[in-house]
């Protein structure tokens, strides 16, 4: 291997003078500022960039369509489930009014709605109201001496053969229960 003199390695000639830069290529200096755009010479998108933008637009549209379809399918499934739930449980038929009249005395204050309906069957009228109920409430209220809360609900069991025979129960929220019997009223038996 041949040894290279140190004077050549560091850019000095063997004479010990300065390096001659004339042998190196010369380039023009960089511009001091960017050239101003010429009118009518706007930057155009390449065909590749145009195709990418079109593809992204299609992708966004497909994603919106998929999300909308998912939302619609969820709503349809919920509606079908609710319809099946309504179709599965037909409303129970009321008991014979003779049984209702016979068992009416067994209802105790504070009994739950489920206990009453287990005893008397489903009511023929929920949230019942009429002149007899209104008169009963006025007497019961006793000029404001007794408490009769606003969140009450009356249910009535009527005799289909005689509209003047019925039994009614009033529920309201008790502190320890959801809705429980507060009072009862009957007519015609």
C-alpha atoms as a PDB file:
ATOM      1  CA  UNK A   1       0.000   0.000   0.000  1.00  0.00           C
ATOM      2  CA  UNK A   2       1.271   3.306  -0.961  1.00  0.00           C
ATOM      3  CA  UNK A   3       1.526   6.122   1.526  1.00  0.00           C
ATOM      4  CA  UNK A   4      -0.064   9.463   0.636  1.00  0.00           C
ATOM      5  CA  UNK A   5       1.813  12.527   1.804  1.00  0.00           C
ATOM      6  CA  UNK A   6       0.014  14.576   4.450  1.00  0.00           C
ATOM      7  CA  UNK A   7       0.293  17.736   2.380  1.00  0.00           C
ATOM      8  CA  UNK A   8      -1.937  16.205  -0.315  1.00  0.00           C
ATOM      9  CA  UNK A   9      -4.454  14.874   2.172  1.00  0.00           C
ATOM     10  CA  UNK A  10      -5.219  18.287   3.629  1.00  0.00           C
ATOM     11  CA  UNK A  11      -5.538  20.162   0.344  1.00  0.00           C
ATOM     12  CA  UNK A  12      -2.087  21.696   0.293  1.00  0.00           C
ATOM     13  CA  UNK A  13       0.277  21.333  -2.537  1.00  0.00           C
ATOM     14  CA  UNK A  14       3.709  20.241  -1.833  1.00  0.00           C
ATOM     15  CA  UNK A  15       4.881  23.825  -2.323  1.00  0.00           C
ATOM     16  CA  UNK A  16       3.035  24.854   0.817  1.00  0.00           C
ATOM     17  CA  UNK A  17       0.802  27.452  -0.923  1.00  0.00           C
ATOM     18  CA  UNK A  18      -2.947  27.951  -0.808  1.00  0.00           C
ATOM     19  CA  UNK A  19      -5.290  25.687  -2.752  1.00  0.00           C
ATOM     20  CA  UNK A  20      -6.354  26.788  -6.219  1.00  0.00           C
ATOM     21  CA  UNK A  21     -10.227  26.941  -6.389  1.00  0.00           C
ATOM     22  CA  UNK A  22     -10.337  27.671 -10.100  1.00  0.00           C
ATOM     23  CA  UNK A  23     -10.347  23.992 -10.899  1.00  0.00           C
ATOM     24  CA  UNK A  24     -13.662  23.499  -9.011  1.00  0.00           C
ATOM     25  CA  UNK A  25     -17.000  23.934 -10.854  1.00  0.00           C
ATOM     26  CA  UNK A  26     -18.864  27.182 -10.234  1.00  0.00           C
ATOM     27  CA  UNK A  27     -22.689  27.422  -9.683  1.00  0.00           C
ATOM     28  CA  UNK A  28     -24.984  30.455  -9.728  1.00  0.00           C
ATOM     29  CA  UNK A  29     -25.937  31.804  -6.270  1.00  0.00           C
ATOM     30  CA  UNK A  30     -29.378  30.786  -4.835  1.00  0.00           C
ATOM     31  CA  UNK A  31     -32.180  33.294  -5.377  1.00  0.00           C
ATOM     32  CA  UNK A  32     -32.699  35.743  -2.533  1.00  0.00           C
ATOM     33  CA  UNK A  33     -36.522  35.295  -2.568  1.00  0.00           C
ATOM     34  CA  UNK A  34     -39.043  33.010  -4.246  1.00  0.00           C
ATOM     35  CA  UNK A  35     -40.220  34.137  -7.650  1.00  0.00           C
ATOM     36  CA  UNK A  36     -43.710  35.635  -7.775  1.00  0.00           C
ATOM     37  CA  UNK A  37     -46.357  33.456  -9.407  1.00  0.00           C
ATOM     38  CA  UNK A  38     -47.300  34.511 -12.872  1.00  0.00           C
ATOM     39  CA  UNK A  39     -51.034  35.121 -13.601  1.00  0.00           C
ATOM     40  CA  UNK A  40     -52.684  32.110 -15.231  1.00  0.00           C
ATOM     41  CA  UNK A  41     -49.940  29.826 -13.962  1.00  0.00           C
ATOM     42  CA  UNK A  42     -51.895  28.245 -11.042  1.00  0.00           C
ATOM     43  CA  UNK A  43     -50.713  24.967  -9.695  1.00  0.00           C
ATOM     44  CA  UNK A  44     -52.577  22.095 -11.339  1.00  0.00           C
ATOM     45  CA  UNK A  45     -53.254  18.744  -9.677  1.00  0.00           C
ATOM     46  CA  UNK A  46     -51.588  15.822 -11.282  1.00  0.00           C
ATOM     47  CA  UNK A  47     -53.822  13.035 -12.598  1.00  0.00           C
ATOM     48  CA  UNK A  48     -52.639  10.848  -9.700  1.00  0.00           C
ATOM     49  CA  UNK A  49     -53.626  13.487  -7.114  1.00  0.00           C
ATOM     50  CA  UNK A  50     -57.002  13.929  -8.800  1.00  0.00           C
ATOM     51  CA  UNK A  51     -57.662  10.184  -8.695  1.00  0.00           C
ATOM     52  CA  UNK A  52     -56.666  10.011  -4.993  1.00  0.00           C
ATOM     53  CA  UNK A  53     -59.133  12.821  -4.167  1.00  0.00           C
ATOM     54  CA  UNK A  54     -61.914  11.074  -6.100  1.00  0.00           C
ATOM     55  CA  UNK A  55     -61.170   7.785  -4.310  1.00  0.00           C
ATOM     56  CA  UNK A  56     -61.189   9.489  -0.889  1.00  0.00           C
ATOM     57  CA  UNK A  57     -64.546  11.095  -1.677  1.00  0.00           C
ATOM     58  CA  UNK A  58     -66.010   7.722  -2.639  1.00  0.00           C
ATOM     59  CA  UNK A  59     -64.572   6.158   0.537  1.00  0.00           C
ATOM     60  CA  UNK A  60     -66.131   8.865   2.727  1.00  0.00           C
ATOM     61  CA  UNK A  61     -69.496   8.409   1.000  1.00  0.00           C
ATOM     62  CA  UNK A  62     -69.387   4.634   1.479  1.00  0.00           C
ATOM     63  CA  UNK A  63     -68.496   5.045   5.165  1.00  0.00           C
ATOM     64  CA  UNK A  64     -71.435   7.416   5.711  1.00  0.00           C
ATOM     65  CA  UNK A  65     -73.738   4.968   3.931  1.00  0.00           C
ATOM     66  CA  UNK A  66     -72.516   2.068   6.098  1.00  0.00           C
ATOM     67  CA  UNK A  67     -73.026   4.043   9.314  1.00  0.00           C
ATOM     68  CA  UNK A  68     -76.501   5.157   8.251  1.00  0.00           C
ATOM     69  CA  UNK A  69     -77.416   1.569   7.312  1.00  0.00           C
ATOM     70  CA  UNK A  70     -76.174   0.311  10.681  1.00  0.00           C
ATOM     71  CA  UNK A  71     -78.302   2.910  12.479  1.00  0.00           C
ATOM     72  CA  UNK A  72     -81.378   2.012  10.402  1.00  0.00           C
ATOM     73  CA  UNK A  73     -80.900  -1.732  10.996  1.00  0.00           C
ATOM     74  CA  UNK A  74     -80.588  -1.147  14.753  1.00  0.00           C
ATOM     75  CA  UNK A  75     -83.851   0.840  14.777  1.00  0.00           C
ATOM     76  CA  UNK A  76     -85.627  -1.849  12.767  1.00  0.00           C
ATOM     77  CA  UNK A  77     -84.387  -4.584  15.121  1.00  0.00           C
ATOM     78  CA  UNK A  78     -85.571  -2.614  18.153  1.00  0.00           C
ATOM     79  CA  UNK A  79     -88.996  -2.101  16.581  1.00  0.00           C
ATOM     80  CA  UNK A  80     -89.260  -5.809  15.736  1.00  0.00           C
ATOM     81  CA  UNK A  81     -88.246  -6.782  19.286  1.00  0.00           C
ATOM     82  CA  UNK A  82     -90.877  -4.442  20.730  1.00  0.00           C
ATOM     83  CA  UNK A  83     -93.484  -5.866  18.350  1.00  0.00           C
ATOM     84  CA  UNK A  84     -92.574  -9.425  19.382  1.00  0.00           C
ATOM     85  CA  UNK A  85     -92.819  -8.436  23.047  1.00  0.00           C
ATOM     86  CA  UNK A  86     -96.297  -7.009  22.484  1.00  0.00           C
ATOM     87  CA  UNK A  87     -97.360 -10.053  20.464  1.00  0.00           C
ATOM     88  CA  UNK A  88     -96.067 -12.557  23.029  1.00  0.00           C
ATOM     89  CA  UNK A  89     -98.064 -11.256  25.969  1.00  0.00           C
ATOM     90  CA  UNK A  90    -101.709 -10.723  25.054  1.00  0.00           C
ATOM     91  CA  UNK A  91    -103.582  -8.691  27.630  1.00  0.00           C
ATOM     92  CA  UNK A  92    -104.968 -10.943  30.346  1.00  0.00           C
ATOM     93  CA  UNK A  93    -108.727 -11.379  30.435  1.00  0.00           C
ATOM     94  CA  UNK A  94    -110.571 -10.015  33.472  1.00  0.00           C
ATOM     95  CA  UNK A  95    -111.944 -12.431  36.033  1.00  0.00           C
ATOM     96  CA  UNK A  96    -115.655 -13.042  36.437  1.00  0.00           C
ATOM     97  CA  UNK A  97    -117.053 -10.125  38.404  1.00  0.00           C
ATOM     98  CA  UNK A  98    -118.551 -12.523  40.959  1.00  0.00           C
ATOM     99  CA  UNK A  99    -115.004 -13.527  41.955  1.00  0.00           C
ATOM    100  CA  UNK A 100    -113.934  -9.887  42.068  1.00  0.00           C
ATOM    101  CA  UNK A 101    -116.862  -9.038  44.387  1.00  0.00           C
ATOM    102  CA  UNK A 102    -116.097 -12.064  46.572  1.00  0.00           C
ATOM    103  CA  UNK A 103    -112.347 -11.291  46.915  1.00  0.00           C
ATOM    104  CA  UNK A 104    -112.635  -7.498  47.168  1.00  0.00           C
ATOM    105  CA  UNK A 105    -112.776  -7.587  50.976  1.00  0.00           C
ATOM    106  CA  UNK A 106    -109.381  -9.342  51.136  1.00  0.00           C
ATOM    107  CA  UNK A 107    -107.501  -6.307  49.807  1.00  0.00           C
ATOM    108  CA  UNK A 108    -105.467  -4.645  52.558  1.00  0.00           C
ATOM    109  CA  UNK A 109    -104.067  -1.100  52.646  1.00  0.00           C
ATOM    110  CA  UNK A 110    -100.415  -1.123  51.586  1.00  0.00           C
ATOM    111  CA  UNK A 111    -100.785  -4.132  49.273  1.00  0.00           C
ATOM    112  CA  UNK A 112     -98.809  -3.869  46.056  1.00  0.00           C
ATOM    113  CA  UNK A 113    -100.396  -3.553  42.642  1.00  0.00           C
ATOM    114  CA  UNK A 114     -99.217  -7.085  41.790  1.00  0.00           C
ATOM    115  CA  UNK A 115    -100.875  -8.518  44.902  1.00  0.00           C
ATOM    116  CA  UNK A 116    -104.178  -6.797  44.053  1.00  0.00           C
ATOM    117  CA  UNK A 117    -104.096  -7.988  40.427  1.00  0.00           C
ATOM    118  CA  UNK A 118    -103.200 -11.507  41.541  1.00  0.00           C
ATOM    119  CA  UNK A 119    -106.309 -11.448  43.740  1.00  0.00           C
ATOM    120  CA  UNK A 120    -108.783  -9.608  41.457  1.00  0.00           C
ATOM    121  CA  UNK A 121    -107.258 -10.145  38.029  1.00  0.00           C
ATOM    122  CA  UNK A 122    -106.446  -7.295  35.654  1.00  0.00           C
ATOM    123  CA  UNK A 123    -108.629  -4.198  35.979  1.00  0.00           C
ATOM    124  CA  UNK A 124    -111.123  -3.419  33.255  1.00  0.00           C
ATOM    125  CA  UNK A 125    -110.135   0.255  33.428  1.00  0.00           C
ATOM    126  CA  UNK A 126    -106.833   1.781  34.480  1.00  0.00           C
ATOM    127  CA  UNK A 127    -106.643   5.416  35.611  1.00  0.00           C
ATOM    128  CA  UNK A 128    -110.375   5.349  36.125  1.00  0.00           C
ATOM    129  CA  UNK A 129    -112.313   8.490  36.951  1.00  0.00           C
ATOM    130  CA  UNK A 130    -115.958   9.319  37.354  1.00  0.00           C
ATOM    131  CA  UNK A 131    -118.409  11.226  39.519  1.00  0.00           C
ATOM    132  CA  UNK A 132    -118.423   8.568  42.269  1.00  0.00           C
ATOM    133  CA  UNK A 133    -114.630   8.617  42.521  1.00  0.00           C
ATOM    134  CA  UNK A 134    -114.593  12.402  42.582  1.00  0.00           C
ATOM    135  CA  UNK A 135    -117.271  12.526  45.304  1.00  0.00           C
ATOM    136  CA  UNK A 136    -115.404   9.905  47.334  1.00  0.00           C
ATOM    137  CA  UNK A 137    -112.175  11.930  47.089  1.00  0.00           C
ATOM    138  CA  UNK A 138    -113.950  15.106  48.222  1.00  0.00           C
ATOM    139  CA  UNK A 139    -115.392  13.306  51.265  1.00  0.00           C
ATOM    140  CA  UNK A 140    -112.090  11.614  52.004  1.00  0.00           C
ATOM    141  CA  UNK A 141    -110.122  14.816  51.652  1.00  0.00           C
ATOM    142  CA  UNK A 142    -112.389  16.305  54.344  1.00  0.00           C
ATOM    143  CA  UNK A 143    -111.769  19.964  53.532  1.00  0.00           C
ATOM    144  CA  UNK A 144    -107.987  19.538  53.508  1.00  0.00           C
ATOM    145  CA  UNK A 145    -107.753  17.769  56.887  1.00  0.00           C
ATOM    146  CA  UNK A 146    -106.697  14.490  55.289  1.00  0.00           C
ATOM    147  CA  UNK A 147    -103.845  14.099  52.842  1.00  0.00           C
ATOM    148  CA  UNK A 148    -104.754  12.933  49.362  1.00  0.00           C
ATOM    149  CA  UNK A 149    -101.679  13.032  47.174  1.00  0.00           C
ATOM    150  CA  UNK A 150    -101.600  14.118  43.535  1.00  0.00           C
ATOM    151  CA  UNK A 151     -99.687  11.050  42.301  1.00  0.00           C
ATOM    152  CA  UNK A 152    -102.614   8.707  42.923  1.00  0.00           C
ATOM    153  CA  UNK A 153    -104.094   6.317  40.393  1.00  0.00           C
ATOM    154  CA  UNK A 154    -107.499   4.641  40.424  1.00  0.00           C
ATOM    155  CA  UNK A 155    -108.132   1.240  38.818  1.00  0.00           C
ATOM    156  CA  UNK A 156    -111.643  -0.115  38.338  1.00  0.00           C
ATOM    157  CA  UNK A 157    -113.105  -3.613  37.932  1.00  0.00           C
ATOM    158  CA  UNK A 158    -116.555  -3.386  36.324  1.00  0.00           C
ATOM    159  CA  UNK A 159    -119.332  -5.920  35.873  1.00  0.00           C
ATOM    160  CA  UNK A 160    -119.908  -6.238  32.099  1.00  0.00           C
ATOM    161  CA  UNK A 161    -123.554  -7.197  32.720  1.00  0.00           C
ATOM    162  CA  UNK A 162    -124.307  -4.237  35.002  1.00  0.00           C
ATOM    163  CA  UNK A 163    -122.371  -0.950  34.654  1.00  0.00           C
ATOM    164  CA  UNK A 164    -123.616   0.132  38.113  1.00  0.00           C
ATOM    165  CA  UNK A 165    -121.632  -2.670  39.783  1.00  0.00           C
ATOM    166  CA  UNK A 166    -117.922  -1.997  40.109  1.00  0.00           C
ATOM    167  CA  UNK A 167    -115.001  -2.022  42.496  1.00  0.00           C
ATOM    168  CA  UNK A 168    -112.152   0.502  42.504  1.00  0.00           C
ATOM    169  CA  UNK A 169    -108.773   0.675  44.196  1.00  0.00           C
ATOM    170  CA  UNK A 170    -106.592   3.768  44.563  1.00  0.00           C
ATOM    171  CA  UNK A 171    -102.796   3.440  44.577  1.00  0.00           C
ATOM    172  CA  UNK A 172    -100.098   5.910  45.437  1.00  0.00           C
ATOM    173  CA  UNK A 173     -96.422   5.873  46.257  1.00  0.00           C
ATOM    174  CA  UNK A 174     -95.609   4.901  49.813  1.00  0.00           C
ATOM    175  CA  UNK A 175     -92.170   5.660  51.268  1.00  0.00           C
ATOM    176  CA  UNK A 176     -91.163   2.007  51.406  1.00  0.00           C
ATOM    177  CA  UNK A 177     -92.967   0.787  48.252  1.00  0.00           C
ATOM    178  CA  UNK A 178     -93.398   1.851  44.644  1.00  0.00           C
ATOM    179  CA  UNK A 179     -97.191   1.982  44.388  1.00  0.00           C
ATOM    180  CA  UNK A 180     -99.440   0.424  46.959  1.00  0.00           C
ATOM    181  CA  UNK A 181    -103.128   0.406  47.891  1.00  0.00           C
ATOM    182  CA  UNK A 182    -104.212   3.484  49.776  1.00  0.00           C
ATOM    183  CA  UNK A 183    -107.953   2.966  49.632  1.00  0.00           C
ATOM    184  CA  UNK A 184    -110.799   1.121  47.926  1.00  0.00           C
ATOM    185  CA  UNK A 185    -114.340   1.868  46.835  1.00  0.00           C
ATOM    186  CA  UNK A 186    -117.216  -0.303  45.633  1.00  0.00           C
ATOM    187  CA  UNK A 187    -120.673   0.213  44.183  1.00  0.00           C
ATOM    188  CA  UNK A 188    -123.608  -2.111  43.622  1.00  0.00           C
ATOM    189  CA  UNK A 189    -122.573  -5.077  45.807  1.00  0.00           C
END
